[in-house]
Amino acid sequence: MNRQREQPPRTKIVGFALSFLDVLCCGLGSAILLLLLLPHGPSIAAMFVDDSLADRIQRASSDIDSKKLREQDLRSQIHAAESELAAASSAKETLRGARASQAIELRKLLAELAAARRAQQNSAEALLTAQRERADQIAIEEERDKRRSAQAAGSHLTGIEIDKDRVVILLDRSASMLDRRLVEIFRLRVSAARLRQNAPKWVSARSAAAWAYSELPPDARYRIFSYSDSVQDAAGDAIPETGRLDWHKKIVKASKVPGQIAATTAAGPTNLHAAFAVASRLQPKPRQILVVTDGLPSVPGAKRLGSIRRCPNEPKQGVAILSPACRANIFADARRLVSSELPSVKVDVVLFPLEGDASAAHHYWQFTSERFGRLLAPAVGWPGT
């Protein structure tokens, strides 16, 4: 088998040829072109450019220098401001400390002022208390002097001792207290008020009540009641029909009681039962009752007159005529009230004479003997001049 020898491929060759003259011309043209395009000497524009750049550099340097100066100035200002701020802070702290010291000093002064005011107030209160005590002492001494003067003048009631506490004074203010004689009583009942108030017997009765009040020690508990057909206090006010009654305390200074006793008027019948009933409502109970009267009662309390033994029925018109036995039974009913409601009370009686009531002294003597007290009948015209 005949192998055929493989032949290599043939390469195509492109033909390109330049002559020396062509190359020379190309090189010359290139050189001329370069000469034309590139600057190859100094020019005015370049000089102008260099001058402008120098100016800009100089201005920039000037700006930098001025800014450095400005920076230094600002730094100086900042340093000065910091110094001022530090000085202000120091002054503020100093002022704050001064204010704190002033506040402390002010508080001390206020405390001292308050203490001084309290001391002044205490001194004023102590002075006022001392003045009051002195005034009370003077009033007590004056009261003692009056009492000694009254005793020296013979105007006291010997034989009756006024207790020191819880004393009730019952002043009979019925019309019969105007005079010891019945005819004069009828005459004075229709007379002027001035004549009734100045009637000797009525003046003596009120003096006895005022004397009993003057015998009470300061701060003693007492009550003064006047009675006729109703019961009133010393000021002339009506007493409530029911309920507990309280005591009064004696006030020596500026007491109105003597004047109130002196202003009491006499009129009407005699209701001793109602007076004892009022006294029994005091709490605590009285220790002593002083009755200033002139005879046996004529009104049986809240009871009907006809219900009392040996007493007539009340007439539809006019006034009932009471016998001595009737009035004695009315008085006995009042005594029973005291025995039941006030079993331990002491009863004293100042009895002024009354015409036609001769048995009154005997009945009141029995009553005071049972009640641990005494009966006293002042002389006509007591206290006298």
Protein backbone atom coordinates (compact mmCIF):
# COMPACT_ATOMS: atom_id res chain seq x y z
CA MET A 1 0.00 0.00 0.00
CA ASN A 2 1.48 3.15 -1.11
CA ARG A 3 1.22 5.92 1.34
CA GLN A 4 1.05 9.38 0.05
CA ARG A 5 3.27 11.87 1.77
CA GLU A 6 1.29 14.59 3.53
CA GLN A 7 2.23 18.10 2.33
CA PRO A 8 2.30 21.15 4.84
CA PRO A 9 -0.10 24.01 4.15
CA ARG A 10 1.21 26.96 2.38
CA THR A 11 1.30 30.45 4.02
CA LYS A 12 0.02 33.47 2.16
CA ILE A 13 2.51 36.40 2.27
CA VAL A 14 1.17 39.96 1.92
CA GLY A 15 3.54 42.28 0.36
CA PHE A 16 4.13 45.79 1.87
CA ALA A 17 7.11 47.91 1.05
CA LEU A 18 8.07 51.46 1.90
CA SER A 19 10.77 53.31 0.20
CA PHE A 20 13.33 55.33 2.07
CA LEU A 21 11.98 58.51 0.73
CA ASP A 22 8.58 57.76 2.08
CA VAL A 23 9.97 57.18 5.51
CA LEU A 24 11.96 60.33 5.36
CA CYS A 25 9.02 62.39 4.33
CA CYS A 26 6.90 60.97 7.10
CA GLY A 27 9.53 61.75 9.70
CA LEU A 28 9.98 65.27 8.48
CA GLY A 29 6.30 65.95 8.51
CA SER A 30 6.03 64.63 12.01
CA ALA A 31 8.78 66.90 13.22
CA ILE A 32 7.21 69.95 11.62
CA LEU A 33 3.88 69.04 13.16
CA LEU A 34 5.43 68.73 16.59
CA LEU A 35 7.09 72.09 16.21
CA LEU A 36 3.85 73.65 15.31
CA LEU A 37 1.85 72.04 18.08
CA LEU A 38 4.18 72.20 21.09
CA PRO A 39 5.33 75.52 22.67
CA HIS A 40 8.98 75.88 22.39
CA GLY A 41 9.64 79.40 23.93
CA PRO A 42 8.38 81.94 26.50
CA SER A 43 4.99 83.56 25.86
CA ILE A 44 3.00 86.50 27.27
CA ALA A 45 0.13 84.26 28.34
CA ALA A 46 2.48 82.20 30.46
CA MET A 47 3.81 85.34 32.05
CA PHE A 48 0.29 86.50 32.84
CA VAL A 49 -0.49 83.13 34.32
CA ASP A 50 2.58 83.25 36.51
CA ASP A 51 1.73 86.78 37.74
CA SER A 52 -1.88 85.80 38.60
CA LEU A 53 -0.73 82.75 40.52
CA ALA A 54 1.74 84.80 42.53
CA ASP A 55 -0.96 87.27 43.42
CA ARG A 56 -3.22 84.47 44.47
CA ILE A 57 -0.46 82.95 46.55
CA GLN A 58 0.26 86.31 48.14
CA ARG A 59 -3.39 86.91 48.86
CA ALA A 60 -3.69 83.42 50.28
CA SER A 61 -0.66 84.09 52.48
CA SER A 62 -2.20 87.38 53.58
CA ASP A 63 -5.47 85.64 54.32
CA ILE A 64 -3.64 82.98 56.26
CA ASP A 65 -1.77 85.64 58.24
CA SER A 66 -4.97 87.59 58.92
CA LYS A 67 -6.79 84.43 59.92
CA LYS A 68 -3.92 83.56 62.22
CA LEU A 69 -4.19 87.00 63.75
CA ARG A 70 -7.97 86.56 64.00
CA GLU A 71 -7.41 83.16 65.57
CA GLN A 72 -5.03 84.67 68.10
CA ASP A 73 -7.55 87.44 68.79
CA LEU A 74 -10.34 84.90 69.21
CA ARG A 75 -8.16 82.81 71.47
CA SER A 76 -7.46 85.92 73.54
CA GLN A 77 -11.18 86.66 73.69
CA ILE A 78 -11.96 83.06 74.63
CA HIS A 79 -9.32 83.15 77.34
CA ALA A 80 -10.72 86.44 78.62
CA ALA A 81 -14.26 85.02 78.52
CA GLU A 82 -13.11 81.91 80.35
CA SER A 83 -11.43 84.12 82.94
CA GLU A 84 -14.60 86.20 83.30
CA LEU A 85 -16.70 83.02 83.53
CA ALA A 86 -14.42 81.62 86.20
CA ALA A 87 -14.59 84.93 88.06
CA ALA A 88 -18.39 84.95 87.70
CA SER A 89 -18.61 81.36 88.94
CA SER A 90 -16.41 82.23 91.88
CA ALA A 91 -18.52 85.30 92.60
CA LYS A 92 -21.67 83.18 92.29
CA GLU A 93 -20.32 80.65 94.75
CA THR A 94 -19.29 83.46 97.07
CA LEU A 95 -22.75 85.03 96.74
CA ARG A 96 -24.41 81.67 97.31
CA GLY A 97 -22.33 81.16 100.43
CA ALA A 98 -23.16 84.68 101.59
CA ARG A 99 -26.86 84.06 100.98
CA ALA A 100 -26.69 80.79 102.87
CA SER A 101 -24.97 82.57 105.76
CA GLN A 102 -27.56 85.34 105.63
CA ALA A 103 -30.37 82.75 105.58
CA ILE A 104 -28.91 81.03 108.63
CA GLU A 105 -28.50 84.36 110.38
CA LEU A 106 -32.05 85.34 109.41
CA ARG A 107 -33.41 82.08 110.81
CA LYS A 108 -31.51 82.70 114.02
CA LEU A 109 -32.91 86.23 114.23
CA LEU A 110 -36.45 84.97 113.55
CA ALA A 111 -36.05 82.30 116.23
CA GLU A 112 -34.78 84.92 118.68
CA LEU A 113 -37.68 87.20 117.71
CA ALA A 114 -40.20 84.39 118.23
CA ALA A 115 -38.64 83.57 121.58
CA ALA A 116 -38.76 87.23 122.54
CA ARG A 117 -42.41 87.43 121.51
CA ARG A 118 -43.23 84.30 123.51
CA ALA A 119 -41.40 85.70 126.48
CA GLN A 120 -43.25 88.99 126.07
CA GLN A 121 -46.57 87.17 125.78
CA ASN A 122 -45.77 85.05 128.82
CA SER A 123 -44.80 88.18 130.70
CA ALA A 124 -48.02 89.88 129.63
CA GLU A 125 -50.07 86.85 130.65
CA ALA A 126 -48.23 86.65 133.94
CA LEU A 127 -48.81 90.36 134.50
CA LEU A 128 -52.49 89.99 133.61
CA THR A 129 -52.81 86.99 135.91
CA ALA A 130 -51.09 88.90 138.68
CA GLN A 131 -53.39 91.88 138.10
CA ARG A 132 -56.44 89.62 138.18
CA GLU A 133 -55.22 87.91 141.33
CA ARG A 134 -54.52 91.29 142.86
CA ALA A 135 -57.97 92.54 141.85
CA ASP A 136 -59.58 89.41 143.26
CA GLN A 137 -57.56 89.80 146.45
CA ILE A 138 -58.63 93.43 146.72
CA ALA A 139 -62.24 92.43 146.11
CA ILE A 140 -62.00 89.72 148.76
CA GLU A 141 -60.45 92.17 151.19
CA GLU A 142 -63.16 94.71 150.41
CA GLU A 143 -65.77 92.02 150.93
CA ARG A 144 -64.20 91.16 154.27
CA ASP A 145 -64.08 94.83 155.21
CA LYS A 146 -67.74 95.20 154.31
CA ARG A 147 -68.56 92.12 156.34
CA ARG A 148 -66.61 93.46 159.32
CA SER A 149 -68.29 96.83 158.91
CA ALA A 150 -71.68 95.18 158.76
CA GLN A 151 -70.90 93.14 161.83
CA ALA A 152 -69.65 96.22 163.63
CA ALA A 153 -72.85 98.05 162.72
CA GLY A 154 -74.95 95.20 164.08
CA SER A 155 -76.50 94.35 160.68
CA HIS A 156 -75.49 90.68 160.71
CA LEU A 157 -77.77 87.79 161.63
CA THR A 158 -76.32 86.07 164.67
CA GLY A 159 -77.13 82.44 165.21
CA ILE A 160 -77.24 81.38 161.54
CA GLU A 161 -74.07 80.04 159.96
CA ILE A 162 -73.93 80.01 156.17
CA ASP A 163 -72.33 76.90 154.70
CA LYS A 164 -69.31 77.18 152.40
CA ASP A 165 -70.79 75.39 149.38
CA ARG A 166 -74.09 74.36 147.76
CA VAL A 167 -76.28 76.91 149.52
CA VAL A 168 -79.82 77.76 148.34
CA ILE A 169 -81.37 81.09 149.38
CA LEU A 170 -85.19 81.19 149.08
CA LEU A 171 -86.60 84.72 149.28
CA ASP A 172 -90.35 85.01 149.80
CA ARG A 173 -91.56 87.78 147.47
CA SER A 174 -95.26 87.52 148.20
CA ALA A 175 -97.28 90.67 148.87
CA SER A 176 -97.32 90.04 152.63
CA MET A 177 -93.56 90.75 152.70
CA LEU A 178 -94.33 94.47 152.27
CA ASP A 179 -95.38 95.04 155.90
CA ARG A 180 -96.17 93.25 159.14
CA ARG A 181 -99.67 94.77 159.30
CA LEU A 182 -102.46 93.66 157.01
CA VAL A 183 -103.84 97.17 156.54
CA GLU A 184 -100.46 98.48 155.40
CA ILE A 185 -100.06 95.51 153.07
CA PHE A 186 -103.34 96.37 151.33
CA ARG A 187 -102.33 100.03 151.12
CA LEU A 188 -98.87 99.32 149.71
CA ARG A 189 -100.24 96.90 147.12
CA VAL A 190 -101.96 99.82 145.38
CA SER A 191 -99.16 102.32 146.03
CA ALA A 192 -96.35 103.37 143.72
CA ALA A 193 -93.54 100.93 143.01
CA ARG A 194 -91.04 103.19 144.77
CA LEU A 195 -93.03 103.00 148.00
CA ARG A 196 -93.31 99.22 147.77
CA GLN A 197 -89.58 98.81 147.18
CA ASN A 198 -88.75 101.05 150.14
CA ALA A 199 -91.18 99.39 152.56
CA PRO A 200 -89.16 98.68 155.74
CA LYS A 201 -90.10 95.02 156.05
CA TRP A 202 -89.33 94.33 152.38
CA VAL A 203 -86.00 96.15 152.69
CA SER A 204 -85.13 93.99 155.72
CA ALA A 205 -86.04 90.76 153.89
CA ARG A 206 -83.87 91.63 150.89
CA SER A 207 -81.04 92.67 153.23
CA ALA A 208 -81.21 89.24 154.87
CA ALA A 209 -80.88 87.51 151.48
CA ALA A 210 -78.01 89.84 150.48
CA TRP A 211 -76.29 89.17 153.82
CA ALA A 212 -76.50 85.41 153.26
CA TYR A 213 -74.96 85.85 149.79
CA SER A 214 -72.15 88.01 151.21
CA GLU A 215 -71.32 85.26 153.72
CA LEU A 216 -70.57 82.80 150.92
CA PRO A 217 -66.84 82.35 150.24
CA PRO A 218 -65.47 83.06 146.72
CA ASP A 219 -66.18 80.33 144.15
CA ALA A 220 -68.85 78.79 146.40
CA ARG A 221 -71.73 77.12 144.57
CA TYR A 222 -75.07 78.75 145.29
CA ARG A 223 -78.53 79.52 143.90
CA ILE A 224 -80.92 82.32 144.84
CA PHE A 225 -84.63 81.85 144.11
CA SER A 226 -87.52 84.16 144.89
CA TYR A 227 -91.00 82.70 145.15
CA SER A 228 -94.61 83.81 145.33
CA ASP A 229 -97.12 82.11 143.02
CA SER A 230 -94.11 81.11 140.82
CA VAL A 231 -90.38 80.64 141.29
CA GLN A 232 -87.77 82.93 139.70
CA ASP A 233 -84.00 83.16 139.85
CA ALA A 234 -82.11 86.17 141.18
CA ALA A 235 -82.30 87.90 137.80
CA GLY A 236 -86.09 87.56 137.75
CA ASP A 237 -86.20 84.85 135.07
CA ALA A 238 -88.72 82.03 135.38
CA ILE A 239 -87.40 78.58 136.27
CA PRO A 240 -88.25 75.71 133.87
CA GLU A 241 -90.86 73.39 135.29
CA THR A 242 -88.82 70.24 134.68
CA GLY A 243 -85.22 69.17 134.21
CA ARG A 244 -82.00 69.30 136.15
CA LEU A 245 -80.76 72.64 137.48
CA ASP A 246 -77.11 73.68 137.76
CA TRP A 247 -75.31 75.63 140.43
CA HIS A 248 -73.87 79.11 140.10
CA LYS A 249 -70.40 80.05 141.37
CA LYS A 250 -69.92 83.16 143.43
CA ILE A 251 -67.90 85.84 141.65
CA VAL A 252 -66.69 88.49 144.06
CA LYS A 253 -65.56 90.96 141.42
CA ALA A 254 -68.31 92.87 139.59
CA SER A 255 -71.08 90.67 140.99
CA LYS A 256 -74.60 91.58 139.87
CA VAL A 257 -76.36 89.54 142.55
CA PRO A 258 -76.74 92.29 145.22
CA GLY A 259 -78.31 94.58 142.65
CA GLN A 260 -80.59 91.82 141.42
CA ILE A 261 -81.75 91.10 144.96
CA ALA A 262 -82.39 94.79 145.55
CA ALA A 263 -84.49 94.96 142.35
CA THR A 264 -86.78 92.07 143.35
CA THR A 265 -90.43 93.15 143.76
CA ALA A 266 -93.03 91.71 146.14
CA ALA A 267 -96.47 90.62 144.90
CA GLY A 268 -98.80 87.61 144.85
CA PRO A 269 -99.40 84.62 147.16
CA THR A 270 -96.86 82.25 148.79
CA ASN A 271 -95.97 78.91 147.13
CA LEU A 272 -93.25 77.41 149.34
CA HIS A 273 -93.87 73.92 147.96
CA ALA A 274 -92.81 75.06 144.46
CA ALA A 275 -89.64 76.67 145.87
CA PHE A 276 -88.62 73.43 147.62
CA ALA A 277 -89.39 71.46 144.45
CA VAL A 278 -87.05 73.70 142.43
CA ALA A 279 -84.28 73.35 145.04
CA SER A 280 -84.61 69.55 144.93
CA ARG A 281 -83.76 69.55 141.20
CA LEU A 282 -80.25 70.90 141.77
CA GLN A 283 -77.42 68.43 141.16
CA PRO A 284 -75.66 67.69 143.39
CA LYS A 285 -78.24 68.20 146.10
CA PRO A 286 -78.05 71.31 148.34
CA ARG A 287 -76.31 71.18 151.67
CA GLN A 288 -78.16 74.14 153.13
CA ILE A 289 -81.40 76.02 152.39
CA LEU A 290 -82.02 79.44 153.90
CA VAL A 291 -85.68 80.55 153.77
CA VAL A 292 -86.45 84.25 154.18
CA THR A 293 -90.21 84.53 154.77
CA ASP A 294 -92.90 86.00 157.04
CA GLY A 295 -95.44 83.22 157.51
CA LEU A 296 -96.97 79.97 156.39
CA PRO A 297 -97.55 79.37 152.66
CA SER A 298 -100.93 79.91 150.99
CA VAL A 299 -100.51 77.87 147.77
CA PRO A 300 -100.16 74.03 147.89
CA GLY A 301 -97.77 73.69 145.00
CA ALA A 302 -99.38 72.11 141.94
CA LYS A 303 -102.17 70.51 143.97
CA ARG A 304 -105.74 71.75 144.13
CA LEU A 305 -106.47 73.78 147.21
CA GLY A 306 -109.47 71.62 148.02
CA SER A 307 -107.29 68.49 148.08
CA ILE A 308 -105.49 69.74 151.20
CA ARG A 309 -107.18 68.79 154.46
CA ARG A 310 -109.24 71.56 156.10
CA CYS A 311 -108.79 73.84 153.07
CA PRO A 312 -111.72 75.19 151.03
CA ASN A 313 -112.18 74.72 147.32
CA GLU A 314 -110.97 77.53 145.13
CA PRO A 315 -113.79 79.97 144.37
CA LYS A 316 -114.69 80.76 140.79
CA GLN A 317 -114.26 84.44 141.53
CA GLY A 318 -112.16 86.22 144.12
CA VAL A 319 -109.65 84.80 146.58
CA ALA A 320 -110.26 81.97 149.04
CA ILE A 321 -110.07 82.79 152.72
CA LEU A 322 -107.64 80.35 154.34
CA SER A 323 -107.77 79.38 157.98
CA PRO A 324 -104.61 78.92 160.08
CA ALA A 325 -105.25 75.15 160.04
CA CYS A 326 -105.42 75.13 156.23
CA ARG A 327 -102.14 77.02 155.92
CA ALA A 328 -100.53 74.71 158.47
CA ASN A 329 -101.53 71.70 156.37
CA ILE A 330 -100.18 73.38 153.22
CA PHE A 331 -96.89 73.93 155.08
CA ALA A 332 -96.87 70.31 156.27
CA ASP A 333 -97.16 69.16 152.64
CA ALA A 334 -94.10 71.27 151.74
CA ARG A 335 -92.20 69.76 154.69
CA ARG A 336 -92.96 66.25 153.42
CA LEU A 337 -91.45 67.18 150.05
CA VAL A 338 -88.21 68.22 151.76
CA SER A 339 -88.11 65.02 153.83
CA SER A 340 -88.52 62.82 150.74
CA GLU A 341 -86.42 64.72 148.17
CA LEU A 342 -83.82 66.42 150.41
CA PRO A 343 -83.44 64.14 153.43
CA SER A 344 -80.00 65.41 154.50
CA VAL A 345 -80.33 69.12 153.77
CA LYS A 346 -79.99 71.69 156.53
CA VAL A 347 -82.80 74.27 156.63
CA ASP A 348 -82.52 77.67 158.35
CA VAL A 349 -85.35 80.21 158.43
CA VAL A 350 -85.29 83.99 158.83
CA LEU A 351 -88.86 84.79 159.86
CA PHE A 352 -90.22 88.34 159.77
CA PRO A 353 -93.36 89.00 161.81
CA LEU A 354 -96.79 89.05 160.15
CA GLU A 355 -99.99 90.11 161.83
CA GLY A 356 -102.55 87.29 162.10
CA ASP A 357 -100.07 84.43 161.60
CA ALA A 358 -98.93 83.77 165.14
CA SER A 359 -98.56 80.00 164.64
CA ALA A 360 -95.94 80.44 161.89
CA ALA A 361 -93.08 80.75 164.36
CA HIS A 362 -94.01 77.47 166.06
CA HIS A 363 -94.30 75.53 162.78
CA TYR A 364 -91.02 76.91 161.41
CA TRP A 365 -89.25 76.19 164.71
CA GLN A 366 -90.36 72.55 164.50
CA PHE A 367 -89.29 72.38 160.86
CA THR A 368 -85.80 73.83 161.43
CA SER A 369 -85.29 71.58 164.45
CA GLU A 370 -85.99 68.53 162.31
CA ARG A 371 -83.75 69.82 159.51
CA PHE A 372 -80.66 70.53 161.70
CA GLY A 373 -81.11 74.28 161.31
CA ARG A 374 -82.18 77.34 163.25
CA LEU A 375 -85.03 79.83 163.27
CA LEU A 376 -84.18 83.53 163.52
CA ALA A 377 -86.68 86.39 163.87
CA PRO A 378 -84.94 89.76 163.36
CA ALA A 379 -86.08 92.76 165.32
CA VAL A 380 -88.52 95.15 163.73
CA GLY A 381 -86.66 97.63 161.54
CA TRP A 382 -83.53 95.45 161.13
CA PRO A 383 -80.90 96.28 159.96
CA GLY A 384 -81.76 99.81 160.98
CA THR A 385 -79.54 102.84 160.96
